[in-house]
Protein backbone atom coordinates (compact mmCIF):
# COMPACT_ATOMS: atom_id res chain seq x y z
CA MET A 1 19.44 44.13 -29.03
CA LEU A 2 20.76 40.65 -28.32
CA THR A 3 24.43 39.95 -28.80
CA ASN A 4 25.93 36.59 -29.74
CA LYS A 5 26.92 36.00 -26.11
CA ASN A 6 23.36 36.67 -24.90
CA LEU A 7 21.88 34.42 -27.63
CA LEU A 8 24.25 31.62 -26.63
CA LEU A 9 23.24 32.01 -22.97
CA LEU A 10 19.53 32.08 -23.88
CA ASN A 11 19.86 28.93 -26.02
CA THR A 12 21.72 27.16 -23.21
CA LEU A 13 18.97 28.02 -20.71
CA ILE A 14 16.23 26.85 -23.09
CA ILE A 15 17.98 23.53 -23.77
CA THR A 16 18.66 22.99 -20.06
CA PHE A 17 15.02 23.69 -19.19
CA TYR A 18 13.80 21.41 -22.00
CA LEU A 19 15.99 18.50 -20.89
CA ASN A 20 14.97 18.82 -17.23
CA THR A 21 11.21 18.75 -17.91
CA TYR A 22 11.13 15.29 -19.55
CA PRO A 23 11.83 12.08 -17.61
CA SER A 24 14.69 9.81 -18.61
CA PHE A 25 13.90 6.27 -19.63
CA SER A 26 17.22 4.58 -18.97
CA LYS A 27 17.58 1.40 -16.93
CA GLY A 28 18.89 1.65 -13.40
CA LYS A 29 21.72 -0.57 -12.23
CA ILE A 30 22.16 -2.03 -8.78
CA TYR A 31 25.73 -2.50 -7.64
CA GLY A 32 26.07 -5.06 -4.90
CA GLN A 33 23.17 -6.87 -3.25
CA SER A 34 19.80 -5.15 -3.36
CA LYS A 35 17.98 -4.76 -0.06
CA THR A 36 14.52 -4.62 -1.64
CA LEU A 37 14.81 -7.49 -4.15
CA SER A 38 15.77 -10.04 -1.51
CA LYS A 39 13.14 -8.82 0.98
CA GLU A 40 9.91 -10.80 1.30
CA TYR A 41 6.85 -8.59 1.20
CA ILE A 42 3.66 -9.35 3.10
CA LYS A 43 0.64 -9.34 0.81
CA TYR A 44 -2.65 -7.87 2.02
CA GLU A 45 -6.26 -8.09 0.87
CA ASN A 46 -9.51 -6.41 1.85
CA CYS A 47 -11.56 -8.01 4.63
CA ARG A 48 -15.15 -6.77 4.83
CA LEU A 49 -17.52 -7.09 7.79
CA ARG A 50 -19.88 -10.04 7.42
CA LYS A 51 -21.61 -10.07 10.84
CA THR A 52 -21.29 -9.19 14.52
CA GLU A 53 -22.06 -11.80 17.20
CA ILE A 54 -22.10 -11.88 20.99
CA ASN A 55 -19.17 -13.87 22.36
CA ILE A 56 -20.26 -16.20 25.16
CA LYS A 57 -17.53 -17.76 27.30
CA ASP A 58 -18.48 -20.20 30.12
CA GLY A 59 -22.13 -19.15 29.85
CA VAL A 60 -21.32 -15.45 30.40
CA LYS A 61 -21.24 -12.70 27.80
CA ASP A 62 -17.58 -11.87 27.10
CA GLY A 63 -17.62 -9.09 24.50
CA TYR A 64 -18.37 -9.32 20.80
CA LYS A 65 -17.02 -11.11 17.72
CA CYS A 66 -16.61 -9.21 14.47
CA ILE A 67 -16.48 -11.71 11.62
CA PHE A 68 -14.91 -10.49 8.38
CA LYS A 69 -15.01 -12.11 4.94
CA ARG A 70 -11.82 -12.11 2.89
CA GLN A 71 -11.80 -10.58 -0.58
CA GLY A 72 -10.08 -13.67 -1.97
CA LYS A 73 -10.43 -17.28 -0.93
CA GLY A 74 -9.69 -18.37 2.61
CA LYS A 75 -11.16 -18.62 6.09
CA ASP A 76 -13.07 -15.77 7.69
CA VAL A 77 -11.18 -13.45 10.04
CA THR A 78 -12.58 -13.10 13.58
CA VAL A 79 -11.76 -10.13 15.81
CA PHE A 80 -12.80 -10.08 19.49
CA GLN A 81 -13.60 -6.73 21.13
CA PRO A 82 -15.59 -5.33 24.05
CA SER A 83 -17.98 -3.09 22.05
CA PRO A 84 -20.56 -4.13 19.43
CA VAL A 85 -19.35 -1.47 16.96
CA CYS A 86 -17.12 -3.07 14.30
CA GLN A 87 -15.30 -1.31 11.50
CA LYS A 88 -16.65 -1.97 8.01
CA SER A 89 -13.40 -3.22 6.46
CA PHE A 90 -9.63 -3.40 6.91
CA LYS A 91 -6.54 -4.77 5.19
CA CYS A 92 -5.76 -8.29 6.41
CA LYS A 93 -2.81 -10.52 5.55
CA THR A 94 -3.36 -12.83 2.60
CA GLU A 95 -3.76 -16.43 3.67
CA ASN A 96 -1.28 -18.89 2.13
CA GLN A 97 -2.96 -21.79 0.40
């Protein structure tokens, strides 16, 4: 049989559990200068492989060029490497226009 003291303890546990399971929706305050609000973030976009070409320098084969097309507007991105195998896509910095 539950006594008044046990009922009070049980109610307290139930209320505590109920309050901890739901998120709070209050606004957060920043005291002082925020480190993240003043920081400039670098924006990225997807660059997808358009084609692979042989790089010829002074009439001699000098590796390969992987040419990637930007997801947004801007110039193509060219990556030079020794092997003809290029990755399909990567995150490249957004070009300022």
